[in-house]
Amino acid sequence: MKKPVILNTPESQEYYFHEGCHILELSNSPDDDEASIARARVEPGKTTRWHRLNGITERYIILQGTGLVEVGDLSAETVTAGSVIIIPSMQPQRIKNTGTDDLIFLAICSPRFQPACYEDTESE
């Protein structure tokens, strides 16, 4: 049986991910394989690289800012605080910050995100 856990991740652990955004891993551990939670931050005018996740469903929950998200065959759509984007496994995706402030969102993956599942598809 798993024990309750309270996690507090310091801002100093944010890092730049080659996809084109800054990531703060809030929860990503083999002790909780069912899901991971990261805070993503995209700077104004920046667009993440086209990519997909193999075997992982990802959900974006927009917390702050304005962006343009592209997923699979869907038309590009403007997203703002409160928007939720559900991205099934192997669907190409990217997001652009169209505002003047940072675009900040939670990326919730199930099962948990592992780097080996990430596939850059920018050149396809």
PDB file of N, CA and C in Angstrom:
ATOM      1  N   MET A   1       0.833  -1.180   0.000  1.00  0.00           N
ATOM      2  CA  MET A   1       0.000   0.000   0.000  1.00  0.00           C
ATOM      3  C   MET A   1       0.881   1.248   0.000  1.00  0.00           C
ATOM      4  N   LYS A   2       0.522   2.210  -0.837  1.00  0.00           N
ATOM      5  CA  LYS A   2       1.274   3.454  -0.916  1.00  0.00           C
ATOM      6  C   LYS A   2       0.940   4.350   0.265  1.00  0.00           C
ATOM      7  N   LYS A   3       1.914   5.163   0.645  1.00  0.00           N
ATOM      8  CA  LYS A   3       1.731   6.113   1.736  1.00  0.00           C
ATOM      9  C   LYS A   3       1.457   7.490   1.159  1.00  0.00           C
ATOM     10  N   PRO A   4       0.716   8.334   1.886  1.00  0.00           N
ATOM     11  CA  PRO A   4       0.512   9.705   1.425  1.00  0.00           C
ATOM     12  C   PRO A   4       1.843  10.452   1.369  1.00  0.00           C
ATOM     13  N   VAL A   5       1.947  11.378   0.429  1.00  0.00           N
ATOM     14  CA  VAL A   5       3.161  12.163   0.249  1.00  0.00           C
ATOM     15  C   VAL A   5       2.766  13.600  -0.070  1.00  0.00           C
ATOM     16  N   ILE A   6       3.515  14.544   0.466  1.00  0.00           N
ATOM     17  CA  ILE A   6       3.352  15.949   0.110  1.00  0.00           C
ATOM     18  C   ILE A   6       4.674  16.398  -0.505  1.00  0.00           C
ATOM     19  N   LEU A   7       4.609  16.890  -1.729  1.00  0.00           N
ATOM     20  CA  LEU A   7       5.807  17.313  -2.449  1.00  0.00           C
ATOM     21  C   LEU A   7       5.833  18.835  -2.560  1.00  0.00           C
ATOM     22  N   ASN A   8       7.000  19.410  -2.378  1.00  0.00           N
ATOM     23  CA  ASN A   8       7.212  20.849  -2.556  1.00  0.00           C
ATOM     24  C   ASN A   8       8.463  21.017  -3.398  1.00  0.00           C
ATOM     25  N   THR A   9       8.279  21.342  -4.663  1.00  0.00           N
ATOM     26  CA  THR A   9       9.401  21.448  -5.590  1.00  0.00           C
ATOM     27  C   THR A   9       9.837  22.903  -5.692  1.00  0.00           C
ATOM     28  N   PRO A  10      11.077  23.209  -5.357  1.00  0.00           N
ATOM     29  CA  PRO A  10      11.534  24.602  -5.437  1.00  0.00           C
ATOM     30  C   PRO A  10      11.677  25.084  -6.878  1.00  0.00           C
ATOM     31  N   GLU A  11      11.391  26.367  -7.093  1.00  0.00           N
ATOM     32  CA  GLU A  11      11.519  26.992  -8.418  1.00  0.00           C
ATOM     33  C   GLU A  11      12.897  26.778  -9.015  1.00  0.00           C
ATOM     34  N   SER A  12      13.905  26.671  -8.170  1.00  0.00           N
ATOM     35  CA  SER A  12      15.291  26.528  -8.643  1.00  0.00           C
ATOM     36  C   SER A  12      15.496  25.234  -9.436  1.00  0.00           C
ATOM     37  N   GLN A  13      14.541  24.304  -9.365  1.00  0.00           N
ATOM     38  CA  GLN A  13      14.669  23.054 -10.110  1.00  0.00           C
ATOM     39  C   GLN A  13      14.084  23.129 -11.517  1.00  0.00           C
ATOM     40  N   GLU A  14      13.562  24.279 -11.904  1.00  0.00           N
ATOM     41  CA  GLU A  14      13.085  24.448 -13.282  1.00  0.00           C
ATOM     42  C   GLU A  14      14.275  24.334 -14.230  1.00  0.00           C
ATOM     43  N   TYR A  15      14.070  23.668 -15.371  1.00  0.00           N
ATOM     44  CA  TYR A  15      15.138  23.523 -16.367  1.00  0.00           C
ATOM     45  C   TYR A  15      14.566  23.750 -17.764  1.00  0.00           C
ATOM     46  N   TYR A  16      15.460  24.064 -18.698  1.00  0.00           N
ATOM     47  CA  TYR A  16      15.058  24.253 -20.086  1.00  0.00           C
ATOM     48  C   TYR A  16      15.092  22.903 -20.784  1.00  0.00           C
ATOM     49  N   PHE A  17      13.977  22.539 -21.420  1.00  0.00           N
ATOM     50  CA  PHE A  17      13.878  21.287 -22.158  1.00  0.00           C
ATOM     51  C   PHE A  17      14.020  21.602 -23.641  1.00  0.00           C
ATOM     52  N   HIS A  18      14.788  20.800 -24.369  1.00  0.00           N
ATOM     53  CA  HIS A  18      15.092  21.062 -25.784  1.00  0.00           C
ATOM     54  C   HIS A  18      13.852  21.176 -26.676  1.00  0.00           C
ATOM     55  N   GLU A  19      12.693  20.809 -26.171  1.00  0.00           N
ATOM     56  CA  GLU A  19      11.446  20.956 -26.911  1.00  0.00           C
ATOM     57  C   GLU A  19      11.126  22.434 -27.145  1.00  0.00           C
ATOM     58  N   GLY A  20      11.664  23.294 -26.282  1.00  0.00           N
ATOM     59  CA  GLY A  20      11.442  24.729 -26.438  1.00  0.00           C
ATOM     60  C   GLY A  20      10.670  25.360 -25.296  1.00  0.00           C
ATOM     61  N   CYS A  21      10.708  24.728 -24.137  1.00  0.00           N
ATOM     62  CA  CYS A  21      10.006  25.280 -22.982  1.00  0.00           C
ATOM     63  C   CYS A  21      10.786  24.979 -21.700  1.00  0.00           C
ATOM     64  N   HIS A  22      10.389  25.644 -20.641  1.00  0.00           N
ATOM     65  CA  HIS A  22      10.989  25.427 -19.330  1.00  0.00           C
ATOM     66  C   HIS A  22      10.073  24.476 -18.552  1.00  0.00           C
ATOM     67  N   ILE A  23      10.665  23.529 -17.850  1.00  0.00           N
ATOM     68  CA  ILE A  23       9.899  22.495 -17.142  1.00  0.00           C
ATOM     69  C   ILE A  23      10.264  22.489 -15.660  1.00  0.00           C
ATOM     70  N   LEU A  24       9.248  22.392 -14.829  1.00  0.00           N
ATOM     71  CA  LEU A  24       9.428  22.158 -13.405  1.00  0.00           C
ATOM     72  C   LEU A  24       8.666  20.874 -13.077  1.00  0.00           C
ATOM     73  N   GLU A  25       9.411  19.796 -12.820  1.00  0.00           N
ATOM     74  CA  GLU A  25       8.791  18.503 -12.500  1.00  0.00           C
ATOM     75  C   GLU A  25       8.202  18.578 -11.092  1.00  0.00           C
ATOM     76  N   LEU A  26       6.885  18.611 -10.997  1.00  0.00           N
ATOM     77  CA  LEU A  26       6.225  18.692  -9.700  1.00  0.00           C
ATOM     78  C   LEU A  26       6.067  17.317  -9.065  1.00  0.00           C
ATOM     79  N   SER A  27       5.844  16.311  -9.910  1.00  0.00           N
ATOM     80  CA  SER A  27       5.705  14.937  -9.432  1.00  0.00           C
ATOM     81  C   SER A  27       6.009  13.990 -10.587  1.00  0.00           C
ATOM     82  N   ASN A  28       7.118  13.271 -10.476  1.00  0.00           N
ATOM     83  CA  ASN A  28       7.477  12.284 -11.492  1.00  0.00           C
ATOM     84  C   ASN A  28       8.430  11.289 -10.854  1.00  0.00           C
ATOM     85  N   SER A  29       7.864  10.166 -10.400  1.00  0.00           N
ATOM     86  CA  SER A  29       8.652   9.208  -9.637  1.00  0.00           C
ATOM     87  C   SER A  29       8.189   7.783  -9.935  1.00  0.00           C
ATOM     88  N   PRO A  30       9.137   6.831  -9.932  1.00  0.00           N
ATOM     89  CA  PRO A  30       8.742   5.427 -10.070  1.00  0.00           C
ATOM     90  C   PRO A  30       7.821   4.962  -8.934  1.00  0.00           C
ATOM     91  N   ASP A  31       7.818   5.702  -7.833  1.00  0.00           N
ATOM     92  CA  ASP A  31       6.925   5.369  -6.725  1.00  0.00           C
ATOM     93  C   ASP A  31       5.469   5.682  -7.055  1.00  0.00           C
ATOM     94  N   ASP A  32       5.243   6.456  -8.106  1.00  0.00           N
ATOM     95  CA  ASP A  32       3.894   6.785  -8.566  1.00  0.00           C
ATOM     96  C   ASP A  32       3.887   6.703 -10.086  1.00  0.00           C
ATOM     97  N   ASP A  33       3.902   5.477 -10.604  1.00  0.00           N
ATOM     98  CA  ASP A  33       3.978   5.230 -12.045  1.00  0.00           C
ATOM     99  C   ASP A  33       2.724   5.634 -12.807  1.00  0.00           C
ATOM    100  N   GLU A  34       1.617   5.862 -12.102  1.00  0.00           N
ATOM    101  CA  GLU A  34       0.345   6.099 -12.770  1.00  0.00           C
ATOM    102  C   GLU A  34       0.244   7.458 -13.441  1.00  0.00           C
ATOM    103  N   ALA A  35       1.010   8.440 -12.944  1.00  0.00           N
ATOM    104  CA  ALA A  35       0.911   9.788 -13.516  1.00  0.00           C
ATOM    105  C   ALA A  35       2.127  10.614 -13.143  1.00  0.00           C
ATOM    106  N   SER A  36       2.361  11.650 -13.935  1.00  0.00           N
ATOM    107  CA  SER A  36       3.355  12.662 -13.592  1.00  0.00           C
ATOM    108  C   SER A  36       2.730  14.024 -13.834  1.00  0.00           C
ATOM    109  N   ILE A  37       3.247  15.025 -13.120  1.00  0.00           N
ATOM    110  CA  ILE A  37       2.754  16.389 -13.253  1.00  0.00           C
ATOM    111  C   ILE A  37       3.962  17.303 -13.400  1.00  0.00           C
ATOM    112  N   ALA A  38       3.950  18.102 -14.450  1.00  0.00           N
ATOM    113  CA  ALA A  38       5.012  19.088 -14.658  1.00  0.00           C
ATOM    114  C   ALA A  38       4.360  20.432 -14.954  1.00  0.00           C
ATOM    115  N   ARG A  39       5.045  21.489 -14.531  1.00  0.00           N
ATOM    116  CA  ARG A  39       4.630  22.826 -14.936  1.00  0.00           C
ATOM    117  C   ARG A  39       5.508  23.229 -16.112  1.00  0.00           C
ATOM    118  N   ALA A  40       4.877  23.589 -17.217  1.00  0.00           N
ATOM    119  CA  ALA A  40       5.605  24.020 -18.407  1.00  0.00           C
ATOM    120  C   ALA A  40       5.443  25.532 -18.560  1.00  0.00           C
ATOM    121  N   ARG A  41       6.513  26.164 -19.043  1.00  0.00           N
ATOM    122  CA  ARG A  41       6.507  27.607 -19.255  1.00  0.00           C
ATOM    123  C   ARG A  41       7.109  27.901 -20.629  1.00  0.00           C
ATOM    124  N   VAL A  42       6.308  28.551 -21.478  1.00  0.00           N
ATOM    125  CA  VAL A  42       6.743  28.924 -22.818  1.00  0.00           C
ATOM    126  C   VAL A  42       6.846  30.448 -22.863  1.00  0.00           C
ATOM    127  N   GLU A  43       7.996  30.937 -23.282  1.00  0.00           N
ATOM    128  CA  GLU A  43       8.233  32.377 -23.322  1.00  0.00           C
ATOM    129  C   GLU A  43       7.432  33.026 -24.456  1.00  0.00           C
ATOM    130  N   PRO A  44       7.129  34.323 -24.329  1.00  0.00           N
ATOM    131  CA  PRO A  44       6.371  35.028 -25.371  1.00  0.00           C
ATOM    132  C   PRO A  44       7.029  34.885 -26.744  1.00  0.00           C
ATOM    133  N   GLY A  45       6.191  34.594 -27.744  1.00  0.00           N
ATOM    134  CA  GLY A  45       6.663  34.467 -29.117  1.00  0.00           C
ATOM    135  C   GLY A  45       7.300  33.125 -29.460  1.00  0.00           C
ATOM    136  N   LYS A  46       7.486  32.261 -28.486  1.00  0.00           N
ATOM    137  CA  LYS A  46       8.139  30.965 -28.711  1.00  0.00           C
ATOM    138  C   LYS A  46       7.108  29.884 -29.002  1.00  0.00           C
ATOM    139  N   THR A  47       7.541  28.877 -29.782  1.00  0.00           N
ATOM    140  CA  THR A  47       6.705  27.718 -30.120  1.00  0.00           C
ATOM    141  C   THR A  47       7.502  26.465 -29.789  1.00  0.00           C
ATOM    142  N   THR A  48       6.868  25.504 -29.145  1.00  0.00           N
ATOM    143  CA  THR A  48       7.549  24.244 -28.872  1.00  0.00           C
ATOM    144  C   THR A  48       7.705  23.462 -30.167  1.00  0.00           C
ATOM    145  N   ARG A  49       8.620  22.538 -30.168  1.00  0.00           N
ATOM    146  CA  ARG A  49       8.858  21.694 -31.347  1.00  0.00           C
ATOM    147  C   ARG A  49       7.703  20.700 -31.501  1.00  0.00           C
ATOM    148  N   TRP A  50       7.418  20.301 -32.743  1.00  0.00           N
ATOM    149  CA  TRP A  50       6.465  19.216 -32.975  1.00  0.00           C
ATOM    150  C   TRP A  50       7.018  17.969 -32.295  1.00  0.00           C
ATOM    151  N   HIS A  51       6.173  17.291 -31.533  1.00  0.00           N
ATOM    152  CA  HIS A  51       6.593  16.074 -30.839  1.00  0.00           C
ATOM    153  C   HIS A  51       5.363  15.231 -30.536  1.00  0.00           C
ATOM    154  N   ARG A  52       5.625  14.010 -30.060  1.00  0.00           N
ATOM    155  CA  ARG A  52       4.548  13.115 -29.616  1.00  0.00           C
ATOM    156  C   ARG A  52       5.111  12.247 -28.501  1.00  0.00           C
ATOM    157  N   LEU A  53       4.195  11.665 -27.740  1.00  0.00           N
ATOM    158  CA  LEU A  53       4.584  10.786 -26.639  1.00  0.00           C
ATOM    159  C   LEU A  53       4.074   9.385 -26.922  1.00  0.00           C
ATOM    160  N   ASN A  54       4.976   8.416 -26.893  1.00  0.00           N
ATOM    161  CA  ASN A  54       4.646   7.028 -27.183  1.00  0.00           C
ATOM    162  C   ASN A  54       4.173   6.335 -25.910  1.00  0.00           C
ATOM    163  N   GLY A  55       2.908   5.907 -25.901  1.00  0.00           N
ATOM    164  CA  GLY A  55       2.361   5.166 -24.768  1.00  0.00           C
ATOM    165  C   GLY A  55       1.892   6.031 -23.617  1.00  0.00           C
ATOM    166  N   ILE A  56       1.825   7.328 -23.829  1.00  0.00           N
ATOM    167  CA  ILE A  56       1.437   8.263 -22.761  1.00  0.00           C
ATOM    168  C   ILE A  56       0.323   9.176 -23.260  1.00  0.00           C
ATOM    169  N   THR A  57      -0.719   9.324 -22.467  1.00  0.00           N
ATOM    170  CA  THR A  57      -1.733  10.342 -22.713  1.00  0.00           C
ATOM    171  C   THR A  57      -1.334  11.565 -21.903  1.00  0.00           C
ATOM    172  N   GLU A  58      -1.355  12.727 -22.550  1.00  0.00           N
ATOM    173  CA  GLU A  58      -0.956  13.963 -21.882  1.00  0.00           C
ATOM    174  C   GLU A  58      -2.141  14.921 -21.850  1.00  0.00           C
ATOM    175  N   ARG A  59      -2.234  15.661 -20.762  1.00  0.00           N
ATOM    176  CA  ARG A  59      -3.273  16.676 -20.621  1.00  0.00           C
ATOM    177  C   ARG A  59      -2.594  17.992 -20.288  1.00  0.00           C
ATOM    178  N   TYR A  60      -2.939  19.044 -21.018  1.00  0.00           N
ATOM    179  CA  TYR A  60      -2.477  20.383 -20.679  1.00  0.00           C
ATOM    180  C   TYR A  60      -3.619  21.084 -19.954  1.00  0.00           C
ATOM    181  N   ILE A  61      -3.306  21.747 -18.877  1.00  0.00           N
ATOM    182  CA  ILE A  61      -4.253  22.623 -18.196  1.00  0.00           C
ATOM    183  C   ILE A  61      -3.609  24.004 -18.181  1.00  0.00           C
ATOM    184  N   ILE A  62      -4.175  24.922 -18.960  1.00  0.00           N
ATOM    185  CA  ILE A  62      -3.592  26.249 -19.090  1.00  0.00           C
ATOM    186  C   ILE A  62      -3.896  27.041 -17.810  1.00  0.00           C
ATOM    187  N   LEU A  63      -2.831  27.560 -17.202  1.00  0.00           N
ATOM    188  CA  LEU A  63      -2.965  28.328 -15.965  1.00  0.00           C
ATOM    189  C   LEU A  63      -2.866  29.831 -16.200  1.00  0.00           C
ATOM    190  N   GLN A  64      -2.044  30.229 -17.174  1.00  0.00           N
ATOM    191  CA  GLN A  64      -1.781  31.646 -17.389  1.00  0.00           C
ATOM    192  C   GLN A  64      -1.316  31.878 -18.822  1.00  0.00           C
ATOM    193  N   GLY A  65      -1.750  32.984 -19.394  1.00  0.00           N
ATOM    194  CA  GLY A  65      -1.288  33.365 -20.718  1.00  0.00           C
ATOM    195  C   GLY A  65      -2.246  32.968 -21.824  1.00  0.00           C
ATOM    196  N   THR A  66      -1.791  33.219 -23.047  1.00  0.00           N
ATOM    197  CA  THR A  66      -2.574  32.915 -24.244  1.00  0.00           C
ATOM    198  C   THR A  66      -1.681  32.172 -25.227  1.00  0.00           C
ATOM    199  N   GLY A  67      -2.246  31.132 -25.832  1.00  0.00           N
ATOM    200  CA  GLY A  67      -1.455  30.359 -26.771  1.00  0.00           C
ATOM    201  C   GLY A  67      -2.280  29.838 -27.916  1.00  0.00           C
ATOM    202  N   LEU A  68      -1.575  29.212 -28.836  1.00  0.00           N
ATOM    203  CA  LEU A  68      -2.199  28.546 -29.974  1.00  0.00           C
ATOM    204  C   LEU A  68      -1.709  27.107 -29.938  1.00  0.00           C
ATOM    205  N   VAL A  69      -2.635  26.161 -29.748  1.00  0.00           N
ATOM    206  CA  VAL A  69      -2.242  24.755 -29.631  1.00  0.00           C
ATOM    207  C   VAL A  69      -2.641  24.013 -30.902  1.00  0.00           C
ATOM    208  N   GLU A  70      -1.760  23.100 -31.311  1.00  0.00           N
ATOM    209  CA  GLU A  70      -2.016  22.245 -32.462  1.00  0.00           C
ATOM    210  C   GLU A  70      -1.825  20.804 -32.007  1.00  0.00           C
ATOM    211  N   VAL A  71      -2.855  19.980 -32.240  1.00  0.00           N
ATOM    212  CA  VAL A  71      -2.824  18.571 -31.831  1.00  0.00           C
ATOM    213  C   VAL A  71      -3.427  17.719 -32.937  1.00  0.00           C
ATOM    214  N   GLY A  72      -2.672  16.715 -33.385  1.00  0.00           N
ATOM    215  CA  GLY A  72      -3.177  15.774 -34.375  1.00  0.00           C
ATOM    216  C   GLY A  72      -3.773  16.475 -35.574  1.00  0.00           C
ATOM    217  N   ASP A  73      -4.977  16.045 -35.968  1.00  0.00           N
ATOM    218  CA  ASP A  73      -5.665  16.607 -37.132  1.00  0.00           C
ATOM    219  C   ASP A  73      -6.594  17.758 -36.782  1.00  0.00           C
ATOM    220  N   LEU A  74      -6.631  18.160 -35.505  1.00  0.00           N
ATOM    221  CA  LEU A  74      -7.500  19.269 -35.110  1.00  0.00           C
ATOM    222  C   LEU A  74      -6.976  20.576 -35.673  1.00  0.00           C
ATOM    223  N   SER A  75      -7.877  21.512 -35.924  1.00  0.00           N
ATOM    224  CA  SER A  75      -7.472  22.857 -36.329  1.00  0.00           C
ATOM    225  C   SER A  75      -6.769  23.525 -35.157  1.00  0.00           C
ATOM    226  N   ALA A  76      -5.807  24.381 -35.446  1.00  0.00           N
ATOM    227  CA  ALA A  76      -5.135  25.148 -34.400  1.00  0.00           C
ATOM    228  C   ALA A  76      -6.186  25.937 -33.630  1.00  0.00           C
ATOM    229  N   GLU A  77      -6.036  25.990 -32.307  1.00  0.00           N
ATOM    230  CA  GLU A  77      -7.040  26.660 -31.490  1.00  0.00           C
ATOM    231  C   GLU A  77      -6.377  27.509 -30.409  1.00  0.00           C
ATOM    232  N   THR A  78      -6.950  28.682 -30.187  1.00  0.00           N
ATOM    233  CA  THR A  78      -6.479  29.569 -29.134  1.00  0.00           C
ATOM    234  C   THR A  78      -6.873  28.992 -27.780  1.00  0.00           C
ATOM    235  N   VAL A  79      -5.923  29.048 -26.836  1.00  0.00           N
ATOM    236  CA  VAL A  79      -6.172  28.569 -25.473  1.00  0.00           C
ATOM    237  C   VAL A  79      -5.791  29.668 -24.490  1.00  0.00           C
ATOM    238  N   THR A  80      -6.522  29.709 -23.377  1.00  0.00           N
ATOM    239  CA  THR A  80      -6.286  30.678 -22.311  1.00  0.00           C
ATOM    240  C   THR A  80      -6.469  29.979 -20.972  1.00  0.00           C
ATOM    241  N   ALA A  81      -6.293  30.706 -19.894  1.00  0.00           N
ATOM    242  CA  ALA A  81      -6.436  30.130 -18.559  1.00  0.00           C
ATOM    243  C   ALA A  81      -7.759  29.375 -18.444  1.00  0.00           C
ATOM    244  N   GLY A  82      -7.670  28.131 -17.999  1.00  0.00           N
ATOM    245  CA  GLY A  82      -8.842  27.277 -17.851  1.00  0.00           C
ATOM    246  C   GLY A  82      -9.038  26.292 -18.986  1.00  0.00           C
ATOM    247  N   SER A  83      -8.355  26.490 -20.104  1.00  0.00           N
ATOM    248  CA  SER A  83      -8.464  25.537 -21.221  1.00  0.00           C
ATOM    249  C   SER A  83      -7.796  24.218 -20.835  1.00  0.00           C
ATOM    250  N   VAL A  84      -8.404  23.115 -21.267  1.00  0.00           N
ATOM    251  CA  VAL A  84      -7.846  21.779 -21.054  1.00  0.00           C
ATOM    252  C   VAL A  84      -7.706  21.117 -22.414  1.00  0.00           C
ATOM    253  N   ILE A  85      -6.524  20.581 -22.682  1.00  0.00           N
ATOM    254  CA  ILE A  85      -6.244  19.912 -23.942  1.00  0.00           C
ATOM    255  C   ILE A  85      -5.886  18.470 -23.622  1.00  0.00           C
ATOM    256  N   ILE A  86      -6.567  17.520 -24.230  1.00  0.00           N
ATOM    257  CA  ILE A  86      -6.295  16.097 -24.011  1.00  0.00           C
ATOM    258  C   ILE A  86      -5.610  15.548 -25.250  1.00  0.00           C
ATOM    259  N   ILE A  87      -4.428  14.983 -25.055  1.00  0.00           N
ATOM    260  CA  ILE A  87      -3.590  14.552 -26.169  1.00  0.00           C
ATOM    261  C   ILE A  87      -3.314  13.056 -26.043  1.00  0.00           C
ATOM    262  N   PRO A  88      -4.001  12.223 -26.834  1.00  0.00           N
ATOM    263  CA  PRO A  88      -3.754  10.781 -26.780  1.00  0.00           C
ATOM    264  C   PRO A  88      -2.327  10.437 -27.230  1.00  0.00           C
ATOM    265  N   SER A  89      -1.898   9.272 -26.856  1.00  0.00           N
ATOM    266  CA  SER A  89      -0.580   8.761 -27.250  1.00  0.00           C
ATOM    267  C   SER A  89      -0.379   8.865 -28.764  1.00  0.00           C
ATOM    268  N   MET A  90       0.831   9.252 -29.159  1.00  0.00           N
ATOM    269  CA  MET A  90       1.293   9.291 -30.550  1.00  0.00           C
ATOM    270  C   MET A  90       0.661  10.402 -31.392  1.00  0.00           C
ATOM    271  N   GLN A  91      -0.041  11.348 -30.774  1.00  0.00           N
ATOM    272  CA  GLN A  91      -0.597  12.471 -31.525  1.00  0.00           C
ATOM    273  C   GLN A  91       0.438  13.594 -31.585  1.00  0.00           C
ATOM    274  N   PRO A  92       0.789  14.078 -32.772  1.00  0.00           N
ATOM    275  CA  PRO A  92       1.727  15.191 -32.865  1.00  0.00           C
ATOM    276  C   PRO A  92       1.121  16.426 -32.208  1.00  0.00           C
ATOM    277  N   GLN A  93       1.996  17.209 -31.562  1.00  0.00           N
ATOM    278  CA  GLN A  93       1.517  18.358 -30.814  1.00  0.00           C
ATOM    279  C   GLN A  93       2.592  19.431 -30.728  1.00  0.00           C
ATOM    280  N   ARG A  94       2.118  20.663 -30.592  1.00  0.00           N
ATOM    281  CA  ARG A  94       2.988  21.780 -30.258  1.00  0.00           C
ATOM    282  C   ARG A  94       2.106  22.916 -29.767  1.00  0.00           C
ATOM    283  N   ILE A  95       2.733  23.866 -29.080  1.00  0.00           N
ATOM    284  CA  ILE A  95       1.987  25.010 -28.564  1.00  0.00           C
ATOM    285  C   ILE A  95       2.842  26.257 -28.717  1.00  0.00           C
ATOM    286  N   LYS A  96       2.194  27.356 -29.095  1.00  0.00           N
ATOM    287  CA  LYS A  96       2.875  28.642 -29.289  1.00  0.00           C
ATOM    288  C   LYS A  96       2.325  29.644 -28.298  1.00  0.00           C
ATOM    289  N   ASN A  97       3.214  30.422 -27.700  1.00  0.00           N
ATOM    290  CA  ASN A  97       2.794  31.513 -26.844  1.00  0.00           C
ATOM    291  C   ASN A  97       2.510  32.718 -27.735  1.00  0.00           C
ATOM    292  N   THR A  98       1.246  33.120 -27.815  1.00  0.00           N
ATOM    293  CA  THR A  98       0.848  34.245 -28.655  1.00  0.00           C
ATOM    294  C   THR A  98       0.662  35.525 -27.849  1.00  0.00           C
ATOM    295  N   GLY A  99       0.921  35.451 -26.554  1.00  0.00           N
ATOM    296  CA  GLY A  99       0.729  36.618 -25.694  1.00  0.00           C
ATOM    297  C   GLY A  99       2.030  37.352 -25.406  1.00  0.00           C
ATOM    298  N   THR A 100       1.953  38.290 -24.469  1.00  0.00           N
ATOM    299  CA  THR A 100       3.108  39.098 -24.094  1.00  0.00           C
ATOM    300  C   THR A 100       3.724  38.645 -22.772  1.00  0.00           C
ATOM    301  N   ASP A 101       3.061  37.739 -22.062  1.00  0.00           N
ATOM    302  CA  ASP A 101       3.569  37.166 -20.816  1.00  0.00           C
ATOM    303  C   ASP A 101       3.841  35.687 -21.028  1.00  0.00           C
ATOM    304  N   ASP A 102       4.527  35.065 -20.083  1.00  0.00           N
ATOM    305  CA  ASP A 102       4.766  33.622 -20.170  1.00  0.00           C
ATOM    306  C   ASP A 102       3.450  32.858 -20.265  1.00  0.00           C
ATOM    307  N   LEU A 103       3.439  31.812 -21.089  1.00  0.00           N
ATOM    308  CA  LEU A 103       2.334  30.854 -21.156  1.00  0.00           C
ATOM    309  C   LEU A 103       2.691  29.742 -20.187  1.00  0.00           C
ATOM    310  N   ILE A 104       1.864  29.527 -19.184  1.00  0.00           N
ATOM    311  CA  ILE A 104       2.157  28.540 -18.145  1.00  0.00           C
ATOM    312  C   ILE A 104       1.021  27.532 -18.086  1.00  0.00           C
ATOM    313  N   PHE A 105       1.390  26.248 -18.093  1.00  0.00           N
ATOM    314  CA  PHE A 105       0.376  25.205 -18.011  1.00  0.00           C
ATOM    315  C   PHE A 105       0.926  23.981 -17.290  1.00  0.00           C
ATOM    316  N   LEU A 106       0.009  23.180 -16.775  1.00  0.00           N
ATOM    317  CA  LEU A 106       0.374  21.888 -16.216  1.00  0.00           C
ATOM    318  C   LEU A 106       0.331  20.865 -17.328  1.00  0.00           C
ATOM    319  N   ALA A 107       1.287  19.964 -17.339  1.00  0.00           N
ATOM    320  CA  ALA A 107       1.304  18.826 -18.254  1.00  0.00           C
ATOM    321  C   ALA A 107       1.180  17.581 -17.376  1.00  0.00           C
ATOM    322  N   ILE A 108       0.029  16.944 -17.463  1.00  0.00           N
ATOM    323  CA  ILE A 108      -0.248  15.758 -16.646  1.00  0.00           C
ATOM    324  C   ILE A 108      -0.219  14.550 -17.574  1.00  0.00           C
ATOM    325  N   CYS A 109       0.680  13.623 -17.287  1.00  0.00           N
ATOM    326  CA  CYS A 109       0.868  12.450 -18.143  1.00  0.00           C
ATOM    327  C   CYS A 109       0.460  11.185 -17.419  1.00  0.00           C
ATOM    328  N   SER A 110      -0.187  10.280 -18.155  1.00  0.00           N
ATOM    329  CA  SER A 110      -0.473   8.952 -17.605  1.00  0.00           C
ATOM    330  C   SER A 110      -0.247   7.913 -18.694  1.00  0.00           C
ATOM    331  N   PRO A 111       0.524   6.863 -18.379  1.00  0.00           N
ATOM    332  CA  PRO A 111       1.328   6.765 -17.165  1.00  0.00           C
ATOM    333  C   PRO A 111       2.362   7.883 -17.127  1.00  0.00           C
ATOM    334  N   ARG A 112       3.198   7.903 -16.118  1.00  0.00           N
ATOM    335  CA  ARG A 112       4.122   9.020 -15.909  1.00  0.00           C
ATOM    336  C   ARG A 112       5.057   9.219 -17.097  1.00  0.00           C
ATOM    337  N   PHE A 113       5.467  10.465 -17.300  1.00  0.00           N
ATOM    338  CA  PHE A 113       6.388  10.810 -18.379  1.00  0.00           C
ATOM    339  C   PHE A 113       7.755  10.196 -18.116  1.00  0.00           C
ATOM    340  N   GLN A 114       8.312   9.616 -19.176  1.00  0.00           N
ATOM    341  CA  GLN A 114       9.691   9.143 -19.153  1.00  0.00           C
ATOM    342  C   GLN A 114      10.341   9.609 -20.456  1.00  0.00           C
ATOM    343  N   PRO A 115      11.564  10.135 -20.394  1.00  0.00           N
ATOM    344  CA  PRO A 115      12.202  10.694 -21.588  1.00  0.00           C
ATOM    345  C   PRO A 115      12.227   9.741 -22.790  1.00  0.00           C
ATOM    346  N   ALA A 116      12.320   8.426 -22.567  1.00  0.00           N
ATOM    347  CA  ALA A 116      12.374   7.469 -23.685  1.00  0.00           C
ATOM    348  C   ALA A 116      11.077   7.470 -24.495  1.00  0.00           C
ATOM    349  N   CYS A 117       9.989   7.984 -23.932  1.00  0.00           N
ATOM    350  CA  CYS A 117       8.701   8.020 -24.636  1.00  0.00           C
ATOM    351  C   CYS A 117       8.551   9.249 -25.531  1.00  0.00           C
ATOM    352  N   TYR A 118       9.424  10.219 -25.366  1.00  0.00           N
ATOM    353  CA  TYR A 118       9.370  11.467 -26.120  1.00  0.00           C
ATOM    354  C   TYR A 118       9.935  11.261 -27.521  1.00  0.00           C
ATOM    355  N   GLU A 119       9.186  11.695 -28.543  1.00  0.00           N
ATOM    356  CA  GLU A 119       9.644  11.599 -29.923  1.00  0.00           C
ATOM    357  C   GLU A 119       9.533  12.969 -30.591  1.00  0.00           C
ATOM    358  N   ASP A 120      10.661  13.532 -30.969  1.00  0.00           N
ATOM    359  CA  ASP A 120      10.690  14.791 -31.694  1.00  0.00           C
ATOM    360  C   ASP A 120      10.290  14.502 -33.141  1.00  0.00           C
ATOM    361  N   THR A 121       9.272  15.181 -33.660  1.00  0.00           N
ATOM    362  CA  THR A 121       8.799  14.935 -35.025  1.00  0.00           C
ATOM    363  C   THR A 121       8.924  16.192 -35.889  1.00  0.00           C
ATOM    364  N   GLU A 122       9.721  17.142 -35.442  1.00  0.00           N
ATOM    365  CA  GLU A 122       9.854  18.422 -36.130  1.00  0.00           C
ATOM    366  C   GLU A 122      10.223  18.267 -37.599  1.00  0.00           C
ATOM    367  N   SER A 123      11.051  17.313 -37.943  1.00  0.00           N
ATOM    368  CA  SER A 123      11.513  17.180 -39.331  1.00  0.00           C
ATOM    369  C   SER A 123      10.646  16.256 -40.177  1.00  0.00           C
ATOM    370  N   GLU A 124       9.624  15.637 -39.592  1.00  0.00           N
ATOM    371  CA  GLU A 124       8.776  14.712 -40.367  1.00  0.00           C
ATOM    372  C   GLU A 124       7.838  15.449 -41.293  1.00  0.00           C
TER     373      GLU A 124
END
